[in-house]
Amino acid sequence: MIRAAALALLLGLSCPGLAEVPEPPGYRMDEYRGPVPATLAGATVIGPEQAHALWQAGGAVFVDVMPRAPRPPNLPQGTIWRDPPRLSIPGAIWLPNVGYGEIAEVTHGYFRAGLARATGGDLARPVVFFCLDECWMSWNAAKRALEYGHERIYWFPEGTDGWAFLDLPLERVAPEPGEPGTQ
């Protein structure tokens, strides 16, 4: 089945065994890794080539919403925990944990403040949201930014996986200051 589906996709044919993921009316609340919709109402969906063109042209803000890895609960006392490094699109800002379906008010504040800093408060400035391939976090975050009043939202569902597949550069990023729960 998988080979037939892959061949159908390569040839641009439909495959009855592959269901299209509908765009939900609200946020995705769980199972954040999995097939995503092909659309996001109010946003422009882009692939790696279009993301790269926007990146090269400059002017668009790239926002990585990959969640931050939590400290494992079973580490022995006194163990030093270092977050795994996050490799992202050069120049992107990392606003971790803003793509969950439900976020606390303090996280809304962090998200809004990060977007305001990155866009200079310009709600019309293009903003590209991404995470990993098949990650609902970027879909949720882009949807939330639209609700905050941002006008030119691009959703890049293939994220850093699609970027790396084209052998485009990645760089290590740190979370934007003010992340809730890290002070």
Protein backbone atom coordinates (compact mmCIF):
# COMPACT_ATOMS: atom_id res chain seq x y z
CA MET A 1 0.00 0.00 0.00
CA ILE A 2 2.76 2.45 0.91
CA ARG A 3 4.59 1.89 -2.40
CA ALA A 4 1.37 2.36 -4.36
CA ALA A 5 0.56 5.53 -2.44
CA ALA A 6 4.07 6.92 -2.99
CA LEU A 7 3.90 6.15 -6.71
CA ALA A 8 0.46 7.76 -6.96
CA LEU A 9 1.74 10.88 -5.24
CA LEU A 10 4.79 11.07 -7.51
CA LEU A 11 2.58 10.78 -10.57
CA GLY A 12 0.11 13.33 -9.22
CA LEU A 13 -2.70 10.76 -9.00
CA SER A 14 -5.18 10.41 -6.19
CA CYS A 15 -4.93 7.44 -3.91
CA PRO A 16 -8.11 6.26 -2.23
CA GLY A 17 -6.13 4.76 0.68
CA LEU A 18 -4.76 8.17 1.68
CA ALA A 19 -7.37 10.33 3.35
CA GLU A 20 -6.91 14.08 3.18
CA VAL A 21 -6.67 15.59 6.64
CA PRO A 22 -9.47 18.12 7.16
CA GLU A 23 -8.70 21.49 8.66
CA PRO A 24 -10.19 21.44 12.16
CA PRO A 25 -12.41 24.31 13.33
CA GLY A 26 -10.27 24.88 16.43
CA TYR A 27 -6.77 23.98 17.54
CA ARG A 28 -5.24 20.53 17.46
CA MET A 29 -5.24 19.52 21.13
CA ASP A 30 -3.17 16.32 21.12
CA GLU A 31 -1.14 13.96 18.95
CA TYR A 32 0.86 16.85 17.56
CA ARG A 33 2.98 14.69 15.25
CA GLY A 34 1.05 13.25 12.35
CA PRO A 35 -0.49 14.13 9.02
CA VAL A 36 -1.52 17.78 8.80
CA PRO A 37 -4.07 19.56 6.60
CA ALA A 38 -3.03 21.06 3.28
CA THR A 39 -4.66 24.36 4.26
CA LEU A 40 -4.88 26.93 7.02
CA ALA A 41 -7.70 29.44 6.54
CA GLY A 42 -6.31 32.97 6.34
CA ALA A 43 -2.70 31.84 5.83
CA THR A 44 -0.60 30.97 2.79
CA VAL A 45 0.79 27.44 2.83
CA ILE A 46 4.31 27.21 1.40
CA GLY A 47 6.82 24.49 0.62
CA PRO A 48 10.59 24.48 1.11
CA GLU A 49 11.36 26.25 -2.17
CA GLN A 50 8.94 29.09 -1.39
CA ALA A 51 10.24 29.33 2.19
CA HIS A 52 13.78 29.57 0.87
CA ALA A 53 12.78 32.31 -1.60
CA LEU A 54 11.17 34.31 1.24
CA TRP A 55 14.27 33.76 3.39
CA GLN A 56 16.60 34.91 0.61
CA ALA A 57 14.48 37.97 -0.14
CA GLY A 58 14.54 39.05 3.51
CA GLY A 59 11.75 40.97 5.16
CA ALA A 60 9.82 37.94 6.41
CA VAL A 61 10.17 36.86 10.03
CA PHE A 62 10.78 33.13 10.49
CA VAL A 63 9.34 31.70 13.71
CA ASP A 64 10.31 28.23 14.90
CA VAL A 65 7.76 26.84 17.36
CA MET A 66 9.40 23.50 18.10
CA PRO A 67 8.58 22.57 21.70
CA ARG A 68 11.44 22.66 24.15
CA ALA A 69 12.44 19.26 25.49
CA PRO A 70 11.44 18.92 29.14
CA ARG A 71 13.94 17.83 31.78
CA PRO A 72 13.49 14.07 32.21
CA PRO A 73 11.73 13.47 35.56
CA ASN A 74 13.86 10.45 36.46
CA LEU A 75 17.29 12.14 36.40
CA PRO A 76 19.24 11.55 39.62
CA GLN A 77 19.45 14.53 41.95
CA GLY A 78 22.37 16.78 41.09
CA THR A 79 22.47 15.73 37.44
CA ILE A 80 23.09 18.65 35.14
CA TRP A 81 20.47 18.87 32.39
CA ARG A 82 21.34 20.41 29.07
CA ASP A 83 18.63 20.90 26.50
CA PRO A 84 19.21 19.11 23.21
CA PRO A 85 20.38 21.67 20.61
CA ARG A 86 17.79 23.01 18.18
CA LEU A 87 19.02 23.47 14.63
CA SER A 88 16.80 25.90 12.76
CA ILE A 89 16.60 28.18 9.76
CA PRO A 90 19.29 30.88 10.03
CA GLY A 91 17.89 34.10 11.47
CA ALA A 92 14.73 32.44 12.80
CA ILE A 93 13.49 33.18 16.28
CA TRP A 94 12.57 30.22 18.48
CA LEU A 95 9.39 30.58 20.50
CA PRO A 96 9.07 27.12 22.07
CA ASN A 97 5.82 25.70 23.38
CA VAL A 98 3.52 28.31 21.78
CA GLY A 99 2.01 25.76 19.39
CA TYR A 100 0.13 23.59 21.84
CA GLY A 101 -3.64 23.54 21.39
CA GLU A 102 -4.22 25.20 24.72
CA ILE A 103 -1.69 27.57 26.26
CA ALA A 104 -1.60 29.52 29.51
CA GLU A 105 -2.07 33.29 29.56
CA VAL A 106 1.62 33.74 30.40
CA THR A 107 2.48 31.77 27.24
CA HIS A 108 0.09 33.94 25.19
CA GLY A 109 1.99 36.95 26.57
CA TYR A 110 5.35 35.41 25.68
CA PHE A 111 4.12 34.60 22.16
CA ARG A 112 2.67 38.07 21.55
CA ALA A 113 5.79 39.78 22.92
CA GLY A 114 8.09 37.62 20.78
CA LEU A 115 6.07 38.37 17.65
CA ALA A 116 5.99 42.08 18.47
CA ARG A 117 9.79 42.18 18.90
CA ALA A 118 10.41 40.21 15.73
CA THR A 119 8.01 42.22 13.56
CA GLY A 120 8.66 45.60 15.13
CA GLY A 121 4.95 45.65 16.00
CA ASP A 122 4.01 45.61 12.30
CA LEU A 123 0.98 43.29 11.98
CA ALA A 124 1.35 43.40 8.17
CA ARG A 125 4.95 42.10 8.19
CA PRO A 126 5.15 38.57 6.72
CA VAL A 127 5.67 35.85 9.32
CA VAL A 128 6.60 32.25 8.45
CA PHE A 129 5.72 29.58 11.04
CA PHE A 130 7.41 26.20 11.07
CA CYS A 131 8.48 23.29 13.24
CA LEU A 132 9.15 19.80 11.84
CA ASP A 133 7.44 17.90 9.05
CA GLU A 134 3.95 16.76 10.05
CA CYS A 135 3.92 18.82 13.23
CA TRP A 136 0.68 20.47 14.29
CA MET A 137 2.56 22.93 16.52
CA SER A 138 3.27 25.24 13.58
CA TRP A 139 -0.31 24.97 12.35
CA ASN A 140 -1.65 25.92 15.79
CA ALA A 141 0.84 28.78 16.19
CA ALA A 142 0.08 30.22 12.74
CA LYS A 143 -3.65 30.02 13.45
CA ARG A 144 -3.11 31.76 16.80
CA ALA A 145 -1.06 34.55 15.15
CA LEU A 146 -3.95 35.16 12.75
CA GLU A 147 -6.25 35.51 15.75
CA TYR A 148 -3.77 38.00 17.26
CA GLY A 149 -4.32 40.15 14.17
CA HIS A 150 -1.26 39.35 12.06
CA GLU A 151 -2.18 39.80 8.43
CA ARG A 152 0.49 38.02 6.35
CA ILE A 153 0.96 34.56 7.79
CA TYR A 154 2.82 31.82 5.96
CA TRP A 155 2.67 28.26 7.21
CA PHE A 156 5.61 26.03 6.25
CA PRO A 157 4.38 22.53 7.24
CA GLU A 158 7.56 20.71 6.20
CA GLY A 159 9.60 22.87 8.56
CA THR A 160 13.26 22.20 9.21
CA ASP A 161 12.90 18.66 7.85
CA GLY A 162 11.89 19.99 4.42
CA TRP A 163 14.55 22.71 4.64
CA ALA A 164 17.30 20.19 5.46
CA PHE A 165 16.08 17.85 2.70
CA LEU A 166 17.02 20.57 0.19
CA ASP A 167 20.42 20.80 1.90
CA LEU A 168 19.75 24.38 2.98
CA PRO A 169 21.70 25.80 5.93
CA LEU A 170 20.70 25.29 9.54
CA GLU A 171 22.08 26.95 12.65
CA ARG A 172 21.77 26.40 16.36
CA VAL A 173 19.19 28.68 17.99
CA ALA A 174 18.31 29.53 21.57
CA PRO A 175 14.79 30.23 22.81
CA GLU A 176 13.74 33.85 22.84
CA PRO A 177 14.10 35.46 26.27
CA GLY A 178 11.18 35.43 28.67
CA GLU A 179 10.07 31.86 28.05
CA PRO A 180 7.55 30.92 30.77
CA GLY A 181 8.82 28.46 33.34
CA THR A 182 12.53 29.04 32.69
CA GLN A 183 13.32 31.88 35.06
